Protein backbone atom coordinates (compact mmCIF):
# COMPACT_ATOMS: atom_id res chain seq x y z
CA MET A 1 -15.28 -102.12 -2.37
CA TRP A 2 -12.02 -101.32 -4.14
CA THR A 3 -9.11 -98.93 -3.70
CA LEU A 4 -7.94 -96.76 -6.55
CA GLY A 5 -4.59 -98.48 -6.20
CA TRP A 6 -6.13 -101.92 -6.84
CA ILE A 7 -7.92 -100.56 -9.91
CA ALA A 8 -4.68 -99.07 -11.24
CA GLU A 9 -2.82 -102.34 -10.66
CA ALA A 10 -5.56 -104.35 -12.40
CA LEU A 11 -5.30 -102.02 -15.39
CA ASN A 12 -1.47 -102.08 -15.38
CA ARG A 13 -1.32 -98.37 -14.64
CA THR A 14 -0.06 -96.09 -11.88
CA CYS A 15 -1.98 -93.43 -10.00
CA LYS A 16 -1.87 -90.86 -7.27
CA ASN A 17 -4.16 -91.22 -4.25
CA SER A 18 -3.91 -95.01 -4.41
CA ASP A 19 -5.62 -95.36 -1.00
CA THR A 20 -8.82 -93.67 -2.24
CA ILE A 21 -11.71 -96.02 -1.47
CA ILE A 22 -14.43 -96.75 -4.03
CA ALA A 23 -17.32 -97.63 -1.75
CA GLY A 24 -20.11 -97.25 -4.31
CA ARG A 25 -20.83 -98.38 -7.86
CA VAL A 26 -19.15 -97.99 -11.22
CA VAL A 27 -21.13 -95.62 -13.45
CA THR A 28 -20.74 -94.19 -16.94
CA ASP A 29 -23.44 -91.49 -16.68
CA SER A 30 -22.55 -88.49 -14.56
CA ARG A 31 -26.24 -87.94 -13.83
CA GLU A 32 -26.33 -91.25 -11.96
CA VAL A 33 -23.29 -90.61 -9.76
CA ALA A 34 -23.74 -91.06 -6.03
CA PRO A 35 -21.20 -90.54 -3.23
CA GLY A 36 -18.39 -93.09 -3.34
CA ASP A 37 -18.85 -94.08 -7.00
CA LEU A 38 -16.21 -94.59 -9.68
CA TYR A 39 -17.05 -92.51 -12.74
CA VAL A 40 -15.88 -93.77 -16.13
CA ALA A 41 -15.37 -90.92 -18.60
CA ARG A 42 -16.16 -92.62 -21.88
CA VAL A 43 -15.71 -90.86 -25.22
CA GLY A 44 -18.58 -91.64 -27.59
CA GLU A 45 -19.71 -90.51 -31.00
CA ASN A 46 -21.89 -87.76 -29.62
CA SER A 47 -20.53 -87.03 -26.18
CA ASP A 48 -17.33 -86.87 -24.16
CA GLY A 49 -17.51 -88.01 -20.56
CA HIS A 50 -14.58 -85.76 -19.65
CA ASN A 51 -16.92 -82.78 -20.06
CA TYR A 52 -18.89 -84.03 -17.07
CA LEU A 53 -16.04 -84.78 -14.68
CA GLU A 54 -16.82 -81.73 -12.56
CA ASN A 55 -20.48 -82.75 -12.30
CA ALA A 56 -19.44 -86.24 -11.20
CA TRP A 57 -17.00 -84.82 -8.64
CA ARG A 58 -19.63 -82.50 -7.20
CA ALA A 59 -22.11 -85.42 -7.00
CA GLY A 60 -19.66 -87.29 -4.78
CA ALA A 61 -17.65 -89.49 -7.13
CA ALA A 62 -14.64 -90.87 -5.29
CA ALA A 63 -12.52 -91.21 -8.44
CA ALA A 64 -12.63 -91.52 -12.21
CA LEU A 65 -11.23 -93.51 -15.11
CA VAL A 66 -10.11 -91.05 -17.78
CA GLU A 67 -8.40 -91.06 -21.15
CA ARG A 68 -6.99 -87.54 -20.70
CA GLN A 69 -5.42 -86.39 -17.49
CA GLU A 70 -5.79 -82.63 -18.03
CA PRO A 71 -9.55 -82.42 -17.33
CA ALA A 72 -9.16 -84.60 -14.23
CA GLU A 73 -6.28 -82.49 -12.94
CA GLN A 74 -8.29 -79.33 -13.48
CA VAL A 75 -11.27 -80.70 -11.55
CA GLY A 76 -9.11 -82.24 -8.82
CA ILE A 77 -10.74 -85.66 -8.88
CA PRO A 78 -8.52 -88.71 -8.14
CA TYR A 79 -8.10 -90.71 -11.33
CA VAL A 80 -6.48 -93.51 -13.28
CA GLN A 81 -5.56 -92.67 -16.85
CA VAL A 82 -6.18 -95.40 -19.46
CA THR A 83 -5.82 -95.70 -23.21
CA GLU A 84 -9.52 -96.34 -23.92
CA ALA A 85 -12.10 -96.08 -21.17
CA THR A 86 -14.61 -98.62 -22.49
CA ARG A 87 -11.98 -101.33 -22.85
CA ALA A 88 -10.58 -100.44 -19.42
CA LEU A 89 -14.08 -100.85 -18.00
CA GLY A 90 -14.26 -104.32 -19.55
CA TRP A 91 -10.90 -105.42 -18.20
CA LEU A 92 -11.71 -104.03 -14.75
CA ALA A 93 -14.84 -106.20 -14.76
CA HIS A 94 -12.77 -109.18 -15.88
CA CYS A 95 -10.31 -108.71 -13.01
CA HIS A 96 -13.14 -108.24 -10.51
CA LEU A 97 -14.78 -111.50 -11.62
CA ALA A 98 -11.43 -113.33 -11.47
CA ALA A 99 -10.88 -112.05 -7.92
CA LEU A 100 -14.34 -113.23 -6.85
CA ARG A 101 -13.70 -116.64 -8.40
CA ARG A 102 -10.40 -116.99 -6.56
CA LYS A 103 -12.18 -116.26 -3.30
CA GLY A 104 -14.93 -118.70 -4.31
CA GLN A 105 -12.39 -121.43 -5.15
CA GLY A 106 -13.43 -121.34 -8.80
CA LYS A 107 -16.97 -122.45 -8.01
CA ARG A 108 -18.76 -119.14 -7.48
CA PRO A 109 -20.10 -117.02 -8.82
CA VAL A 110 -21.42 -119.31 -11.56
CA CYS A 111 -21.39 -117.16 -14.69
CA ILE A 112 -24.13 -117.79 -17.27
CA GLY A 113 -24.24 -116.05 -20.66
CA ILE A 114 -27.42 -115.86 -22.74
CA THR A 115 -27.61 -114.93 -26.41
CA GLY A 116 -30.03 -115.29 -29.30
CA SER A 117 -31.81 -113.23 -31.92
CA ALA A 118 -34.84 -112.96 -29.64
CA GLY A 119 -35.80 -113.88 -26.08
CA LYS A 120 -32.60 -112.87 -24.25
CA THR A 121 -34.20 -110.51 -21.77
CA THR A 122 -37.16 -112.77 -20.98
CA THR A 123 -34.86 -115.76 -20.45
CA LYS A 124 -32.55 -113.65 -18.28
CA ASP A 125 -35.46 -112.54 -16.10
CA LEU A 126 -36.84 -116.09 -15.77
CA LEU A 127 -33.45 -117.60 -14.95
CA ALA A 128 -32.70 -114.93 -12.35
CA SER A 129 -36.05 -115.65 -10.68
CA LEU A 130 -35.36 -119.39 -10.67
CA LEU A 131 -31.84 -119.11 -9.29
CA GLN A 132 -33.00 -116.89 -6.43
CA LEU A 133 -34.25 -120.16 -4.95
CA GLN A 134 -30.63 -121.29 -4.69
CA GLY A 135 -28.70 -118.19 -3.71
CA GLN A 136 -27.78 -114.59 -4.44
CA VAL A 137 -28.21 -113.54 -8.07
CA ILE A 138 -26.88 -110.57 -10.03
CA ALA A 139 -28.53 -109.95 -13.42
CA PRO A 140 -28.57 -106.96 -15.77
CA GLU A 141 -30.79 -104.00 -15.22
CA LYS A 142 -32.97 -103.47 -18.27
CA SER A 143 -31.24 -105.03 -21.31
CA TYR A 144 -27.61 -104.20 -20.54
CA ASN A 145 -25.97 -106.61 -22.97
CA ASN A 146 -23.05 -104.86 -24.69
CA GLU A 147 -19.41 -103.94 -23.96
CA VAL A 148 -20.63 -101.35 -21.43
CA GLY A 149 -23.66 -103.06 -19.93
CA VAL A 150 -22.00 -106.43 -19.32
CA PRO A 151 -19.07 -104.96 -17.32
CA LEU A 152 -21.41 -102.75 -15.29
CA THR A 153 -23.43 -105.83 -14.36
CA ILE A 154 -20.34 -107.83 -13.37
CA LEU A 155 -19.07 -104.97 -11.21
CA ARG A 156 -22.27 -105.12 -9.13
CA ALA A 157 -21.33 -108.62 -7.92
CA ASP A 158 -19.57 -109.18 -4.60
CA GLU A 159 -18.40 -112.03 -2.38
CA THR A 160 -22.01 -112.98 -1.57
CA THR A 161 -22.96 -113.48 -5.24
CA ASP A 162 -23.68 -117.10 -6.15
CA PHE A 163 -24.90 -116.62 -9.72
CA LEU A 164 -24.09 -114.03 -12.35
CA VAL A 165 -26.67 -114.05 -15.18
CA LEU A 166 -25.47 -112.08 -18.20
CA GLU A 167 -27.44 -111.13 -21.28
CA MET A 168 -25.04 -110.90 -24.22
CA GLY A 169 -25.97 -109.21 -27.48
CA ALA A 170 -24.15 -108.84 -30.77
CA SER A 171 -24.58 -106.64 -33.81
CA GLY A 172 -21.54 -107.94 -35.65
CA PRO A 173 -18.81 -110.62 -35.69
CA GLY A 174 -16.47 -110.53 -32.71
CA HIS A 175 -18.89 -108.87 -30.30
CA LEU A 176 -19.64 -112.02 -28.31
CA ALA A 177 -15.99 -113.05 -28.38
CA LEU A 178 -15.15 -109.73 -26.70
CA LEU A 179 -17.89 -110.13 -24.09
CA THR A 180 -16.74 -113.62 -23.17
CA GLU A 181 -13.17 -112.37 -22.82
CA ILE A 182 -14.57 -109.98 -20.22
CA ALA A 183 -16.62 -112.76 -18.59
CA PRO A 184 -15.44 -116.36 -19.19
CA LEU A 185 -18.57 -118.48 -18.82
CA ASP A 186 -19.63 -121.57 -16.91
CA MET A 187 -22.83 -121.93 -18.92
CA ALA A 188 -23.73 -120.65 -22.38
CA ILE A 189 -27.37 -120.52 -23.47
CA GLU A 190 -28.08 -120.29 -27.22
CA LEU A 191 -31.73 -119.42 -27.81
CA MET A 192 -32.14 -119.02 -31.56
CA VAL A 193 -30.60 -117.76 -34.76
CA GLY A 194 -33.22 -115.49 -36.27
CA HIS A 195 -33.22 -112.43 -38.44
CA ALA A 196 -32.07 -109.71 -36.06
CA HIS A 197 -29.42 -107.17 -37.12
CA LEU A 198 -28.48 -109.06 -40.27
CA GLY A 199 -26.92 -105.92 -41.66
CA GLY A 200 -23.95 -106.39 -39.33
CA PHE A 201 -23.40 -110.06 -40.21
CA GLY A 202 -23.88 -110.26 -43.96
CA SER A 203 -25.99 -113.43 -43.93
CA ILE A 204 -27.86 -115.83 -41.69
CA GLU A 205 -24.78 -118.09 -41.76
CA GLY A 206 -22.61 -115.20 -40.62
CA LEU A 207 -25.07 -114.50 -37.82
CA ALA A 208 -24.98 -118.15 -36.72
CA GLN A 209 -21.19 -118.20 -36.63
CA ALA A 210 -21.15 -114.98 -34.60
CA LYS A 211 -23.69 -116.35 -32.11
CA ALA A 212 -21.58 -119.49 -31.72
CA GLU A 213 -18.75 -117.32 -30.35
CA LEU A 214 -20.54 -117.63 -27.01
CA LEU A 215 -19.48 -121.29 -26.78
CA TRP A 216 -15.84 -120.35 -27.26
CA GLY A 217 -16.22 -118.29 -24.10
CA LEU A 218 -16.91 -121.37 -21.96
CA ARG A 219 -14.09 -122.16 -19.54
CA ASN A 220 -13.15 -125.81 -18.95
CA TYR A 221 -15.25 -126.95 -21.92
CA GLU A 222 -14.34 -130.22 -23.61
CA GLY A 223 -17.14 -130.56 -26.16
CA THR A 224 -16.78 -130.20 -29.91
CA ARG A 225 -17.46 -126.79 -31.43
CA TYR A 226 -18.44 -126.88 -35.08
CA TRP A 227 -18.41 -123.15 -35.87
CA PRO A 228 -14.86 -121.76 -35.98
CA LEU A 229 -13.92 -118.36 -34.71
CA SER A 230 -13.92 -115.74 -37.45
CA ALA A 231 -11.03 -113.33 -37.97
CA PRO A 232 -12.94 -110.48 -36.24
CA ALA A 233 -13.60 -112.80 -33.29
CA GLN A 234 -9.91 -113.71 -33.05
CA GLN A 235 -9.04 -110.03 -33.06
CA ALA A 236 -11.64 -109.30 -30.38
CA ARG A 237 -10.06 -111.89 -28.09
CA GLN A 238 -6.73 -110.07 -28.35
CA VAL A 239 -7.93 -106.50 -27.86
CA PHE A 240 -7.18 -106.36 -24.14
CA GLN A 241 -3.64 -107.66 -24.59
CA GLN A 242 -3.09 -104.94 -27.17
CA ASP A 243 -3.91 -102.38 -24.48
CA GLY A 244 -1.38 -103.96 -22.15
CA TYR A 245 -3.84 -105.92 -20.01
CA HIS A 246 -2.58 -109.39 -19.09
CA GLU A 247 -3.93 -112.14 -16.88
CA GLU A 248 -1.44 -112.64 -14.07
CA GLU A 249 -3.15 -115.60 -12.43
CA SER A 250 -5.51 -118.02 -14.10
CA ALA A 251 -8.77 -118.64 -12.29
CA GLN A 252 -9.32 -122.08 -10.78
CA LYS A 253 -11.27 -124.43 -12.96
CA ALA A 254 -14.91 -124.94 -12.21
CA THR A 255 -16.85 -128.14 -12.74
CA PRO A 256 -17.26 -128.88 -16.46
CA SER A 257 -18.98 -126.08 -18.35
CA LEU A 258 -22.26 -126.63 -20.15
CA ALA A 259 -23.63 -125.45 -23.48
CA ILE A 260 -27.42 -125.21 -23.44
CA LEU A 261 -28.83 -125.36 -26.96
CA ASN A 262 -32.24 -125.02 -28.57
CA CYS A 263 -32.84 -128.35 -30.33
CA GLY A 264 -35.66 -126.75 -32.32
CA ASP A 265 -33.31 -124.38 -34.14
CA GLU A 266 -31.21 -126.03 -36.86
CA LYS A 267 -28.44 -123.43 -36.72
CA VAL A 268 -28.17 -123.74 -32.95
CA ARG A 269 -28.05 -127.56 -33.11
CA GLN A 270 -25.06 -127.25 -35.43
CA MET A 271 -22.99 -125.29 -32.94
CA ALA A 272 -21.59 -128.08 -30.78
CA SER A 273 -21.87 -131.66 -29.59
CA GLY A 274 -20.64 -133.83 -26.73
CA ALA A 275 -21.38 -134.79 -23.17
CA GLN A 276 -21.36 -131.16 -22.02
CA ILE A 277 -24.44 -130.30 -24.07
CA ARG A 278 -27.94 -129.89 -22.68
CA TYR A 279 -30.87 -129.39 -25.07
CA PHE A 280 -34.24 -127.73 -24.68
CA GLY A 281 -37.21 -127.59 -27.01
CA GLU A 282 -40.43 -129.25 -28.05
CA LEU A 283 -40.74 -133.00 -28.10
CA LYS A 284 -41.46 -134.26 -31.59
CA PRO A 285 -43.58 -137.35 -32.41
CA GLU A 286 -41.77 -140.68 -32.42
CA GLY A 287 -40.03 -141.58 -35.64
CA THR A 288 -38.84 -138.10 -36.58
CA GLY A 289 -35.29 -138.81 -35.49
CA GLN A 290 -35.08 -136.58 -32.40
CA GLU A 291 -33.32 -138.36 -29.55
CA THR A 292 -35.52 -137.72 -26.54
CA GLU A 293 -33.11 -139.42 -24.15
CA VAL A 294 -30.57 -136.63 -24.59
CA LYS A 295 -30.25 -134.62 -21.38
CA GLY A 296 -32.30 -131.45 -21.17
CA VAL A 297 -35.78 -130.08 -20.60
CA TYR A 298 -38.57 -130.53 -23.12
CA ALA A 299 -42.16 -129.45 -23.67
CA SER A 300 -45.05 -131.33 -25.22
CA GLN A 301 -48.79 -130.83 -25.72
CA ILE A 302 -48.49 -127.04 -25.92
CA THR A 303 -51.77 -125.13 -26.03
CA VAL A 304 -52.50 -121.42 -25.78
CA GLY A 305 -55.44 -120.22 -23.71
CA SER A 306 -57.81 -117.37 -24.37
CA ASP A 307 -55.56 -115.09 -22.30
CA GLY A 308 -52.61 -115.82 -24.60
CA ARG A 309 -50.77 -117.81 -21.94
CA PRO A 310 -49.44 -121.24 -22.91
CA THR A 311 -50.04 -124.50 -21.07
CA PHE A 312 -47.68 -127.43 -21.64
CA TRP A 313 -46.16 -130.56 -20.15
CA MET A 314 -42.53 -130.09 -19.09
CA THR A 315 -40.21 -133.11 -18.95
CA ARG A 316 -36.74 -133.58 -17.48
CA GLY A 317 -35.49 -137.15 -17.40
CA SER A 318 -38.26 -139.34 -16.01
CA GLU A 319 -40.14 -136.44 -14.41
CA THR A 320 -43.04 -134.66 -16.16
CA LEU A 321 -45.13 -131.76 -14.82
CA LYS A 322 -47.94 -129.64 -16.23
CA VAL A 323 -47.14 -125.91 -16.43
CA ASN A 324 -49.44 -122.94 -16.91
CA LEU A 325 -46.95 -120.28 -17.99
CA GLY A 326 -47.57 -116.84 -16.54
CA LEU A 327 -46.15 -115.06 -19.60
CA VAL A 328 -48.11 -114.31 -22.75
CA GLY A 329 -47.13 -115.88 -26.08
CA ARG A 330 -46.36 -119.39 -27.29
CA HIS A 331 -42.81 -118.37 -28.16
CA ASN A 332 -42.10 -117.85 -24.47
CA VAL A 333 -42.27 -121.62 -23.93
CA ALA A 334 -38.81 -121.97 -25.47
CA ASN A 335 -37.45 -119.14 -23.30
CA ALA A 336 -38.90 -120.82 -20.21
CA LEU A 337 -37.37 -124.18 -21.15
CA ALA A 338 -33.94 -122.60 -21.62
CA ALA A 339 -34.10 -121.01 -18.18
CA VAL A 340 -35.32 -124.20 -16.53
CA THR A 341 -32.60 -126.28 -18.22
CA ALA A 342 -29.91 -124.08 -16.70
CA ALA A 343 -31.61 -123.78 -13.32
CA THR A 344 -32.17 -127.51 -12.84
CA GLU A 345 -28.50 -128.16 -13.60
CA LEU A 346 -27.77 -125.81 -10.71
CA GLY A 347 -29.99 -127.47 -8.14
CA VAL A 348 -33.50 -126.13 -8.73
CA SER A 349 -36.09 -128.93 -8.79
CA LEU A 350 -38.52 -129.30 -11.66
CA ALA A 351 -41.44 -128.72 -9.27
CA GLN A 352 -39.86 -125.49 -8.01
CA ALA A 353 -39.28 -124.38 -11.58
CA ALA A 354 -42.90 -125.05 -12.53
CA ARG A 355 -44.14 -122.84 -9.68
CA VAL A 356 -41.85 -119.98 -10.72
CA LEU A 357 -43.00 -120.24 -14.34
CA GLU A 358 -46.65 -120.14 -13.33
CA ASN A 359 -46.10 -116.98 -11.30
CA ALA A 360 -43.90 -115.31 -13.94
CA ARG A 361 -44.79 -111.83 -15.14
CA PRO A 362 -42.87 -109.40 -17.42
CA LEU A 363 -40.06 -107.88 -15.35
CA SER A 364 -38.47 -105.73 -18.05
CA GLN A 365 -40.21 -102.70 -19.51
CA HIS A 366 -41.98 -102.99 -22.89
CA ARG A 367 -41.67 -106.79 -23.05
CA LEU A 368 -45.02 -108.33 -24.03
CA ASP A 369 -46.80 -106.54 -21.21
CA VAL A 370 -50.61 -106.90 -21.54
CA ARG A 371 -52.77 -104.17 -19.99
CA GLU A 372 -56.43 -103.20 -20.04
CA ILE A 373 -57.21 -99.51 -20.48
CA GLU A 374 -60.42 -97.52 -20.87
CA SER A 375 -63.31 -98.77 -23.04
CA GLU A 376 -62.12 -102.37 -22.61
CA ILE A 377 -59.17 -101.76 -24.94
CA THR A 378 -56.34 -104.28 -24.48
CA VAL A 379 -52.79 -103.01 -25.08
CA ILE A 380 -49.98 -105.47 -25.79
CA ASP A 381 -46.79 -103.51 -25.17
CA ASP A 382 -43.89 -105.33 -26.85
CA SER A 383 -42.19 -102.18 -28.03
CA TYR A 384 -38.66 -102.57 -26.72
CA ASN A 385 -37.25 -104.10 -29.88
CA ALA A 386 -38.20 -106.08 -32.97
CA ASN A 387 -37.00 -108.41 -35.68
CA LEU A 388 -38.82 -110.64 -38.14
CA ASP A 389 -39.19 -113.54 -35.72
CA SER A 390 -40.44 -111.48 -32.79
CA MET A 391 -42.78 -109.50 -35.07
CA ARG A 392 -44.39 -112.73 -36.23
CA SER A 393 -44.74 -113.95 -32.65
CA GLY A 394 -46.30 -110.66 -31.57
CA ILE A 395 -48.81 -110.69 -34.45
CA THR A 396 -49.81 -114.27 -33.55
CA THR A 397 -50.30 -113.26 -29.92
CA LEU A 398 -52.36 -110.23 -30.97
CA LYS A 399 -54.75 -112.33 -33.03
CA THR A 400 -55.05 -114.96 -30.29
CA LEU A 401 -56.05 -112.39 -27.67
CA ALA A 402 -58.39 -110.53 -30.02
CA GLN A 403 -60.22 -113.72 -30.98
CA ALA A 404 -60.51 -114.83 -27.37
CA LYS A 405 -62.01 -111.49 -26.45
CA GLY A 406 -64.84 -112.07 -28.87
CA ARG A 407 -65.34 -108.39 -29.68
CA GLY A 408 -63.40 -105.54 -31.17
CA ARG A 409 -60.64 -105.61 -33.78
CA ALA A 410 -57.00 -106.66 -33.87
CA VAL A 411 -54.92 -103.49 -34.32
CA ALA A 412 -51.20 -103.69 -35.08
CA VAL A 413 -49.02 -100.61 -34.56
CA LEU A 414 -45.74 -101.64 -36.13
CA GLY A 415 -42.58 -99.58 -36.10
CA GLU A 416 -39.65 -100.11 -38.42
CA MET A 417 -37.13 -102.87 -37.78
CA LEU A 418 -33.62 -101.41 -37.81
CA GLU A 419 -30.15 -102.80 -38.61
CA LEU A 420 -31.40 -105.27 -41.23
CA GLY A 421 -29.14 -104.08 -44.02
CA ALA A 422 -30.04 -105.29 -47.51
CA ASP A 423 -32.78 -107.56 -46.10
CA SER A 424 -34.79 -104.67 -44.70
CA GLU A 425 -37.44 -104.39 -47.42
CA THR A 426 -37.89 -108.17 -47.69
CA HIS A 427 -38.30 -108.63 -43.94
CA HIS A 428 -40.77 -105.76 -43.63
CA ARG A 429 -42.85 -107.22 -46.48
CA LEU A 430 -42.83 -110.56 -44.66
CA VAL A 431 -44.20 -108.82 -41.58
CA GLY A 432 -47.00 -107.43 -43.75
CA LYS A 433 -47.67 -110.94 -45.06
CA ALA A 434 -47.88 -112.20 -41.47
CA CYS A 435 -50.52 -109.54 -40.74
CA ILE A 436 -52.56 -110.70 -43.75
CA GLU A 437 -52.28 -114.37 -42.79
CA ALA A 438 -53.37 -113.61 -39.22
CA GLY A 439 -56.30 -111.50 -40.39
CA ILE A 440 -55.25 -108.28 -38.65
CA GLU A 441 -58.00 -105.73 -39.31
CA VAL A 442 -56.09 -102.47 -38.68
CA VAL A 443 -52.40 -101.79 -39.33
CA VAL A 444 -50.56 -98.54 -38.49
CA THR A 445 -46.93 -98.44 -39.60
CA VAL A 446 -44.28 -96.10 -38.22
CA GLY A 447 -41.04 -94.96 -39.85
CA GLN A 448 -39.68 -94.93 -43.38
CA GLN A 449 -38.36 -98.51 -43.31
CA ALA A 450 -41.80 -99.77 -42.26
CA THR A 451 -43.34 -98.54 -45.52
CA PRO A 452 -43.21 -102.03 -47.15
CA ILE A 453 -45.47 -103.35 -44.37
CA TYR A 454 -48.03 -100.69 -45.23
CA GLN A 455 -47.74 -101.38 -48.94
CA THR A 456 -48.21 -105.12 -48.42
CA VAL A 457 -51.34 -104.89 -46.23
CA LEU A 458 -52.98 -101.93 -47.98
CA ASP A 459 -55.51 -104.04 -49.87
CA HIS A 460 -56.20 -106.39 -46.96
CA ALA A 461 -56.64 -104.18 -43.90
CA GLU A 462 -57.47 -100.67 -42.77
CA ALA A 463 -53.95 -99.28 -43.06
CA GLN A 464 -52.20 -95.98 -42.37
CA HIS A 465 -48.56 -95.03 -42.55
CA CYS A 466 -46.91 -92.46 -40.26
CA GLU A 467 -43.45 -90.97 -40.44
CA ASN A 468 -42.86 -90.89 -36.69
CA ALA A 469 -44.26 -92.03 -33.34
CA GLU A 470 -45.88 -88.69 -32.54
CA GLU A 471 -47.97 -88.75 -35.72
CA ALA A 472 -48.77 -92.43 -35.15
CA LEU A 473 -50.03 -91.77 -31.62
CA ARG A 474 -52.55 -89.25 -32.92
CA VAL A 475 -53.71 -91.74 -35.57
CA VAL A 476 -53.96 -94.63 -33.10
CA ARG A 477 -56.07 -92.60 -30.69
CA GLN A 478 -58.44 -91.77 -33.53
CA VAL A 479 -58.58 -95.36 -34.78
CA LEU A 480 -59.04 -97.29 -31.54
CA ALA A 481 -62.60 -98.27 -30.62
CA PRO A 482 -64.09 -99.93 -27.53
CA GLY A 483 -63.17 -103.59 -27.30
CA ASP A 484 -60.14 -103.41 -29.61
CA THR A 485 -56.88 -105.25 -28.92
CA VAL A 486 -53.77 -103.35 -29.99
CA LEU A 487 -50.17 -104.54 -30.37
CA VAL A 488 -47.40 -101.91 -30.21
CA LYS A 489 -44.12 -103.27 -31.53
CA GLY A 490 -40.98 -102.05 -33.31
CA SER A 491 -37.27 -101.48 -32.87
CA ASN A 492 -36.42 -99.22 -29.96
CA GLY A 493 -35.11 -96.58 -32.34
CA SER A 494 -38.51 -96.30 -34.03
CA GLY A 495 -39.87 -94.69 -30.88
CA VAL A 496 -43.08 -96.73 -30.80
CA TRP A 497 -42.52 -97.36 -27.09
CA ARG A 498 -43.73 -93.78 -26.63
CA ILE A 499 -47.08 -94.83 -28.10
CA ALA A 500 -47.34 -97.73 -25.65
CA GLU A 501 -46.49 -95.50 -22.71
CA ALA A 502 -49.01 -92.88 -23.78
CA LEU A 503 -51.80 -95.43 -24.20
CA THR A 504 -51.13 -97.04 -20.83
CA GLY A 505 -50.79 -93.80 -18.91
CA GLY A 506 -47.20 -92.76 -19.59
CA SER A 507 -45.87 -89.69 -21.32
CA ASP A 508 -47.05 -88.53 -24.74
CA SER A 509 -43.59 -87.44 -25.72
């Protein structure tokens, strides 16, 4: 609960109606406003939140953050005027977190940031489930991981919150630096440096440097960081000061921060070193040079069952337990290890963690969700997003489940991967090559950028190309036969999630 006066003071502004109480949430969509909420009137490329102030006021909004006072005055809603609403939202979240930390003597809520080219949402969901054993957890709804979603998640926390689990995404240099200015971290989890959104980074090296910005967001961190902050990252860390937002009181230091790194990813291993590092990954045979005594959580003897779910031995220190992971896909072992590494540092026992992993199921929509529909057709819905690495993992999972079934074909419905820049054609052709290597019998591609997949597999599989998801749905329904296993995967913007929803009982549109 806040007053409008406290919000104005946090944002270094003045306001009328300073005693107005914000008893609800902070929202950026007028359609989601409930009585007592604070409505943030953001100005975007295609919409202007000021046009919906009256709707928000009628829905019961207590007040609004606005960039222009005239619309607010006309509606009559109490308001605080700011220079830029999205940045004001970020700084408001920063101040709210700082206030909670002061009340929690710098020890709570523990703030954990997760980034990586793939696996962020799964790791977030697993870690939130694990930490519920230790206290109250706030984690993002859906995949809220940008300059709007992260603040909205933080602003849901209150004095009872013990852990704040934040998914942090980036589509260019400086994005993670900005997010960690909003939320200085106690733990930073680096999952992998893959091939997602390369168009915004220029190269894999640029992507790695941008992902390493997360470590610069750790408070009270004494380890060595090997990737320097880029010029865009330096600028991002100053953006709030440029708007006149200044920290008046530094938060109390927590116990030493931790960087949690994937030892199986070369680029991630290069990010930092020191006593405040914890590693996760697969144990390698003796003599390969990996130091197994380094603190962290490791997996060995990984196998994948006929249901696509991995079994492995999980080790932390001198303790080793067998785990039957509840999630589908070998790649989810690394995500599970990352979550367990953080959770065990925060008091969860390895035995408790193993039980949570065994009972784990997809919590976020369109994330490797396996369902059986009519005629014994198996649908693997992994349609939320896609990059080269996750496409390869999905294709491997598809073939594993199809072979285990012992009947029917492996059918891949693959939408285009977006934001790849100059690497787009190459990466799509590599996806096609992965289909050939896995022996996928039927491939349906969706969207113009997915054309190279179709061209690559044309002589090796029953292949069709469709310009959009609607056309692809009609084709898929014609193609599918009893016993088939079908993977639906692509970037969210390709719309292939509509195909998955239609096949599993959702909407056709």
